[in-house]
Amino acid sequence: MTLETLALQGHPGVHSSMAASITARIKEVRSNFIRECFCDFQDMEHRMESVANVHGIEFINDSRSTNINSTWFTLESMSKPVIWIAGGMDSGIDYTQLKLLIKAKVKSIIFLGMDSTYFISSMSDLEIPLTDASTMDEAVELAYFAGVIGDVVLLSPGCASFDLFKDYEERGIAFKKAVKQL
């Protein structure tokens, strides 16, 4: 089975598919059945969910990425320049672990959350635009105007949403609604 035939694309999807297939083979599930499942698998809402392409700018909802590891895998899988909407409730998350990846993949960052002080100060040496937004509508609009054809606007916060939203689902729904209003 080639990687191109997998329904879940990107490194997180490939890694998940590989782990699941190993487990299935250990349990003696037939290879043909595994192949069929991986070709037909439907994406999860709020996990690398393609929302829209607006004037050549792709919008991806990864609101389910509520920790640094998940956001790292998502950013790592991006092949186009990223305008990254990050942030949420500050619980001492060390975003500096992402700096090398951010330098390679991200062209602009919009922080969405109540307390952006630590985040912005920890990223200020990256020499990329850093913007603070107080609402999802504002974050999406800022991201859209920062983008050009071929860019990706990625909501992959890396932390919890409880400062502005009930949960990651509400945050993802707000992102999709804001994109649809562009």
C-alpha atoms as a PDB file:
ATOM      1  CA  MET A   1       0.000   0.000   0.000  1.00  0.00           C
ATOM      2  CA  THR A   2       1.450   3.371  -0.972  1.00  0.00           C
ATOM      3  CA  LEU A   3       1.343   6.413   1.298  1.00  0.00           C
ATOM      4  CA  GLU A   4      -0.625   8.301  -1.362  1.00  0.00           C
ATOM      5  CA  THR A   5      -3.568   5.891  -1.022  1.00  0.00           C
ATOM      6  CA  LEU A   6      -3.977   6.539   2.705  1.00  0.00           C
ATOM      7  CA  ALA A   7      -7.026   8.612   3.592  1.00  0.00           C
ATOM      8  CA  LEU A   8      -5.122  10.272   6.445  1.00  0.00           C
ATOM      9  CA  GLN A   9      -2.351  12.337   4.888  1.00  0.00           C
ATOM     10  CA  GLY A  10       0.512  14.146   6.611  1.00  0.00           C
ATOM     11  CA  HIS A  11       2.883  12.726   9.165  1.00  0.00           C
ATOM     12  CA  PRO A  12       0.320  12.445  11.997  1.00  0.00           C
ATOM     13  CA  GLY A  13      -2.029  10.467   9.742  1.00  0.00           C
ATOM     14  CA  VAL A  14       0.723   8.242   8.398  1.00  0.00           C
ATOM     15  CA  HIS A  15       2.090   7.575  11.888  1.00  0.00           C
ATOM     16  CA  SER A  16      -1.374   6.756  13.219  1.00  0.00           C
ATOM     17  CA  SER A  17      -2.079   4.480  10.259  1.00  0.00           C
ATOM     18  CA  MET A  18       1.216   2.644  10.702  1.00  0.00           C
ATOM     19  CA  ALA A  19       0.631   2.103  14.421  1.00  0.00           C
ATOM     20  CA  ALA A  20      -2.931   0.899  13.839  1.00  0.00           C
ATOM     21  CA  SER A  21      -1.882  -1.478  11.056  1.00  0.00           C
ATOM     22  CA  ILE A  22       0.840  -3.049  13.208  1.00  0.00           C
ATOM     23  CA  THR A  23      -1.677  -3.590  15.988  1.00  0.00           C
ATOM     24  CA  ALA A  24      -4.202  -5.048  13.543  1.00  0.00           C
ATOM     25  CA  ARG A  25      -1.632  -7.434  12.054  1.00  0.00           C
ATOM     26  CA  ILE A  26      -0.643  -8.615  15.548  1.00  0.00           C
ATOM     27  CA  LYS A  27      -4.317  -9.395  16.108  1.00  0.00           C
ATOM     28  CA  GLU A  28      -4.231 -11.290  12.779  1.00  0.00           C
ATOM     29  CA  VAL A  29      -6.581  -8.969  10.908  1.00  0.00           C
ATOM     30  CA  ARG A  30      -6.374  -9.598   7.152  1.00  0.00           C
ATOM     31  CA  SER A  31      -4.193  -7.172   5.153  1.00  0.00           C
ATOM     32  CA  ASN A  32      -6.954  -6.555   2.602  1.00  0.00           C
ATOM     33  CA  PHE A  33      -9.366  -5.465   5.332  1.00  0.00           C
ATOM     34  CA  ILE A  34      -6.736  -3.111   6.830  1.00  0.00           C
ATOM     35  CA  ARG A  35      -6.067  -1.613   3.381  1.00  0.00           C
ATOM     36  CA  GLU A  36      -9.777  -0.996   2.741  1.00  0.00           C
ATOM     37  CA  CYS A  37     -10.188   0.708   6.116  1.00  0.00           C
ATOM     38  CA  PHE A  38      -7.232   3.030   5.588  1.00  0.00           C
ATOM     39  CA  CYS A  39      -8.409   4.070   2.127  1.00  0.00           C
ATOM     40  CA  ASP A  40     -11.945   4.879   3.318  1.00  0.00           C
ATOM     41  CA  PHE A  41     -11.182   6.414   6.708  1.00  0.00           C
ATOM     42  CA  GLN A  42     -12.894   9.755   7.311  1.00  0.00           C
ATOM     43  CA  ASP A  43     -10.986  12.643   8.882  1.00  0.00           C
ATOM     44  CA  MET A  44     -11.841  13.698  12.410  1.00  0.00           C
ATOM     45  CA  GLU A  45     -13.515  17.018  12.868  1.00  0.00           C
ATOM     46  CA  HIS A  46     -11.105  19.612  14.308  1.00  0.00           C
ATOM     47  CA  ARG A  47      -8.003  17.483  13.477  1.00  0.00           C
ATOM     48  CA  MET A  48      -6.225  18.779  10.375  1.00  0.00           C
ATOM     49  CA  GLU A  49      -9.676  19.446   8.923  1.00  0.00           C
ATOM     50  CA  SER A  50      -9.655  21.306   5.629  1.00  0.00           C
ATOM     51  CA  VAL A  51     -12.209  24.082   6.015  1.00  0.00           C
ATOM     52  CA  ALA A  52     -11.987  26.156   2.839  1.00  0.00           C
ATOM     53  CA  ASN A  53      -9.761  27.642   0.207  1.00  0.00           C
ATOM     54  CA  VAL A  54     -10.361  31.380   0.038  1.00  0.00           C
ATOM     55  CA  HIS A  55      -8.704  33.151  -2.890  1.00  0.00           C
ATOM     56  CA  GLY A  56      -5.910  30.578  -2.972  1.00  0.00           C
ATOM     57  CA  ILE A  57      -5.322  30.513   0.804  1.00  0.00           C
ATOM     58  CA  GLU A  58      -6.088  27.185   2.466  1.00  0.00           C
ATOM     59  CA  PHE A  59      -7.676  27.192   5.945  1.00  0.00           C
ATOM     60  CA  ILE A  60      -7.083  24.193   8.221  1.00  0.00           C
ATOM     61  CA  ASN A  61      -8.833  23.583  11.544  1.00  0.00           C
ATOM     62  CA  ASP A  62      -6.605  21.695  13.967  1.00  0.00           C
ATOM     63  CA  SER A  63      -8.300  22.907  17.136  1.00  0.00           C
ATOM     64  CA  ARG A  64      -7.975  19.408  18.588  1.00  0.00           C
ATOM     65  CA  SER A  65      -4.208  20.064  18.927  1.00  0.00           C
ATOM     66  CA  THR A  66      -4.301  21.038  22.579  1.00  0.00           C
ATOM     67  CA  ASN A  67      -0.668  20.200  23.374  1.00  0.00           C
ATOM     68  CA  ILE A  68       2.754  20.976  21.960  1.00  0.00           C
ATOM     69  CA  ASN A  69       3.377  17.457  20.630  1.00  0.00           C
ATOM     70  CA  SER A  70       0.219  17.438  18.539  1.00  0.00           C
ATOM     71  CA  THR A  71       0.953  20.915  17.189  1.00  0.00           C
ATOM     72  CA  TRP A  72       4.540  19.876  16.405  1.00  0.00           C
ATOM     73  CA  PHE A  73       3.335  16.966  14.238  1.00  0.00           C
ATOM     74  CA  THR A  74       0.817  19.200  12.477  1.00  0.00           C
ATOM     75  CA  LEU A  75       3.335  21.953  11.738  1.00  0.00           C
ATOM     76  CA  GLU A  76       5.887  19.368  10.650  1.00  0.00           C
ATOM     77  CA  SER A  77       3.458  17.960   8.094  1.00  0.00           C
ATOM     78  CA  MET A  78       2.859  21.328   6.394  1.00  0.00           C
ATOM     79  CA  SER A  79       4.422  21.705   2.958  1.00  0.00           C
ATOM     80  CA  LYS A  80       3.222  25.260   2.246  1.00  0.00           C
ATOM     81  CA  PRO A  81       4.047  28.510   4.097  1.00  0.00           C
ATOM     82  CA  VAL A  82       1.971  28.695   7.296  1.00  0.00           C
ATOM     83  CA  ILE A  83       0.199  31.554   9.002  1.00  0.00           C
ATOM     84  CA  TRP A  84      -0.208  29.972  12.410  1.00  0.00           C
ATOM     85  CA  ILE A  85      -3.034  30.802  14.810  1.00  0.00           C
ATOM     86  CA  ALA A  86      -1.752  29.605  18.176  1.00  0.00           C
ATOM     87  CA  GLY A  87      -2.453  30.015  21.843  1.00  0.00           C
ATOM     88  CA  GLY A  88      -5.146  29.766  24.413  1.00  0.00           C
ATOM     89  CA  MET A  89      -5.019  29.290  28.148  1.00  0.00           C
ATOM     90  CA  ASP A  90      -1.482  29.764  29.457  1.00  0.00           C
ATOM     91  CA  SER A  91      -0.567  26.819  31.632  1.00  0.00           C
ATOM     92  CA  GLY A  92       3.195  27.197  31.461  1.00  0.00           C
ATOM     93  CA  ILE A  93       3.528  25.613  28.016  1.00  0.00           C
ATOM     94  CA  ASP A  94       7.044  25.847  26.625  1.00  0.00           C
ATOM     95  CA  TYR A  95       6.506  26.918  23.026  1.00  0.00           C
ATOM     96  CA  THR A  96      10.255  27.343  22.563  1.00  0.00           C
ATOM     97  CA  GLN A  97      10.414  23.603  21.773  1.00  0.00           C
ATOM     98  CA  LEU A  98       8.826  24.518  18.442  1.00  0.00           C
ATOM     99  CA  LYS A  99      11.246  27.294  17.440  1.00  0.00           C
ATOM    100  CA  LEU A 100      13.280  25.388  14.846  1.00  0.00           C
ATOM    101  CA  LEU A 101      10.125  24.082  13.220  1.00  0.00           C
ATOM    102  CA  ILE A 102       8.513  27.518  13.310  1.00  0.00           C
ATOM    103  CA  LYS A 103      11.558  29.038  11.579  1.00  0.00           C
ATOM    104  CA  ALA A 104      11.271  26.450   8.810  1.00  0.00           C
ATOM    105  CA  LYS A 105       7.491  26.421   8.303  1.00  0.00           C
ATOM    106  CA  VAL A 106       5.805  29.553   9.685  1.00  0.00           C
ATOM    107  CA  LYS A 107       5.777  32.981   8.063  1.00  0.00           C
ATOM    108  CA  SER A 108       3.490  34.732  10.567  1.00  0.00           C
ATOM    109  CA  ILE A 109       1.972  33.974  13.975  1.00  0.00           C
ATOM    110  CA  ILE A 110      -1.303  35.211  15.379  1.00  0.00           C
ATOM    111  CA  PHE A 111      -1.735  34.558  19.075  1.00  0.00           C
ATOM    112  CA  LEU A 112      -5.317  34.053  20.238  1.00  0.00           C
ATOM    113  CA  GLY A 113      -5.786  34.003  23.978  1.00  0.00           C
ATOM    114  CA  MET A 114      -6.163  36.009  27.138  1.00  0.00           C
ATOM    115  CA  ASP A 115      -2.483  36.147  28.073  1.00  0.00           C
ATOM    116  CA  SER A 116      -0.117  36.492  25.154  1.00  0.00           C
ATOM    117  CA  THR A 117       2.756  38.070  27.085  1.00  0.00           C
ATOM    118  CA  TYR A 118       4.827  34.909  27.607  1.00  0.00           C
ATOM    119  CA  PHE A 119       4.151  33.521  24.142  1.00  0.00           C
ATOM    120  CA  ILE A 120       5.049  36.708  22.296  1.00  0.00           C
ATOM    121  CA  SER A 121       8.173  37.303  24.379  1.00  0.00           C
ATOM    122  CA  SER A 122       9.373  33.729  23.841  1.00  0.00           C
ATOM    123  CA  MET A 123       8.911  34.038  20.062  1.00  0.00           C
ATOM    124  CA  SER A 124      10.112  37.618  19.546  1.00  0.00           C
ATOM    125  CA  ASP A 125      13.602  36.561  18.393  1.00  0.00           C
ATOM    126  CA  LEU A 126      12.213  34.590  15.414  1.00  0.00           C
ATOM    127  CA  GLU A 127      12.055  37.667  13.182  1.00  0.00           C
ATOM    128  CA  ILE A 128       8.599  36.808  11.866  1.00  0.00           C
ATOM    129  CA  PRO A 129       5.467  38.897  12.358  1.00  0.00           C
ATOM    130  CA  LEU A 130       3.715  38.266  15.689  1.00  0.00           C
ATOM    131  CA  THR A 131       0.198  39.585  16.181  1.00  0.00           C
ATOM    132  CA  ASP A 132      -2.179  39.392  19.107  1.00  0.00           C
ATOM    133  CA  ALA A 133      -5.917  38.782  18.550  1.00  0.00           C
ATOM    134  CA  SER A 134      -8.702  38.888  21.109  1.00  0.00           C
ATOM    135  CA  THR A 135     -11.403  37.049  19.125  1.00  0.00           C
ATOM    136  CA  MET A 136     -11.461  34.233  16.592  1.00  0.00           C
ATOM    137  CA  ASP A 137     -13.003  36.538  13.991  1.00  0.00           C
ATOM    138  CA  GLU A 138     -10.106  38.957  14.439  1.00  0.00           C
ATOM    139  CA  ALA A 139      -7.507  36.139  14.311  1.00  0.00           C
ATOM    140  CA  VAL A 140      -8.926  34.703  11.075  1.00  0.00           C
ATOM    141  CA  GLU A 141      -9.171  38.127   9.448  1.00  0.00           C
ATOM    142  CA  LEU A 142      -5.583  39.007  10.423  1.00  0.00           C
ATOM    143  CA  ALA A 143      -4.388  35.635   9.116  1.00  0.00           C
ATOM    144  CA  TYR A 144      -6.252  36.072   5.845  1.00  0.00           C
ATOM    145  CA  PHE A 145      -4.733  39.498   5.210  1.00  0.00           C
ATOM    146  CA  ALA A 146      -1.253  38.167   6.092  1.00  0.00           C
ATOM    147  CA  GLY A 147      -1.597  35.413   3.493  1.00  0.00           C
ATOM    148  CA  VAL A 148      -1.002  35.155  -0.231  1.00  0.00           C
ATOM    149  CA  ILE A 149      -1.980  32.533  -2.785  1.00  0.00           C
ATOM    150  CA  GLY A 150      -0.426  29.205  -1.799  1.00  0.00           C
ATOM    151  CA  ASP A 151      -0.318  29.877   1.953  1.00  0.00           C
ATOM    152  CA  VAL A 152      -2.038  27.901   4.691  1.00  0.00           C
ATOM    153  CA  VAL A 153      -3.826  29.468   7.643  1.00  0.00           C
ATOM    154  CA  LEU A 154      -3.525  26.884  10.386  1.00  0.00           C
ATOM    155  CA  LEU A 155      -5.412  26.901  13.668  1.00  0.00           C
ATOM    156  CA  SER A 156      -3.280  24.556  15.775  1.00  0.00           C
ATOM    157  CA  PRO A 157      -3.247  26.170  19.218  1.00  0.00           C
ATOM    158  CA  GLY A 158      -1.005  23.826  21.191  1.00  0.00           C
ATOM    159  CA  CYS A 159      -2.966  24.432  24.384  1.00  0.00           C
ATOM    160  CA  ALA A 160      -6.382  24.380  25.986  1.00  0.00           C
ATOM    161  CA  SER A 161      -9.137  26.742  24.917  1.00  0.00           C
ATOM    162  CA  PHE A 162     -10.792  27.455  28.257  1.00  0.00           C
ATOM    163  CA  ASP A 163      -9.825  31.131  28.352  1.00  0.00           C
ATOM    164  CA  LEU A 164     -12.098  32.049  25.427  1.00  0.00           C
ATOM    165  CA  PHE A 165     -14.101  28.900  24.610  1.00  0.00           C
ATOM    166  CA  LYS A 166     -15.922  26.073  26.353  1.00  0.00           C
ATOM    167  CA  ASP A 167     -13.654  23.487  24.696  1.00  0.00           C
ATOM    168  CA  TYR A 168     -11.605  22.752  21.561  1.00  0.00           C
ATOM    169  CA  GLU A 169     -14.806  21.908  19.643  1.00  0.00           C
ATOM    170  CA  GLU A 170     -16.331  25.316  20.261  1.00  0.00           C
ATOM    171  CA  ARG A 171     -12.992  26.904  19.263  1.00  0.00           C
ATOM    172  CA  GLY A 172     -12.933  24.863  16.031  1.00  0.00           C
ATOM    173  CA  ILE A 173     -16.526  25.755  15.220  1.00  0.00           C
ATOM    174  CA  ALA A 174     -15.735  29.449  15.792  1.00  0.00           C
ATOM    175  CA  PHE A 175     -12.764  29.122  13.401  1.00  0.00           C
ATOM    176  CA  LYS A 176     -14.898  27.523  10.684  1.00  0.00           C
ATOM    177  CA  LYS A 177     -17.606  30.153  11.112  1.00  0.00           C
ATOM    178  CA  ALA A 178     -15.048  32.983  10.862  1.00  0.00           C
ATOM    179  CA  VAL A 179     -13.522  31.468   7.709  1.00  0.00           C
ATOM    180  CA  LYS A 180     -16.960  31.155   6.092  1.00  0.00           C
ATOM    181  CA  GLN A 181     -17.514  34.885   6.759  1.00  0.00           C
ATOM    182  CA  LEU A 182     -14.458  35.976   4.753  1.00  0.00           C
END
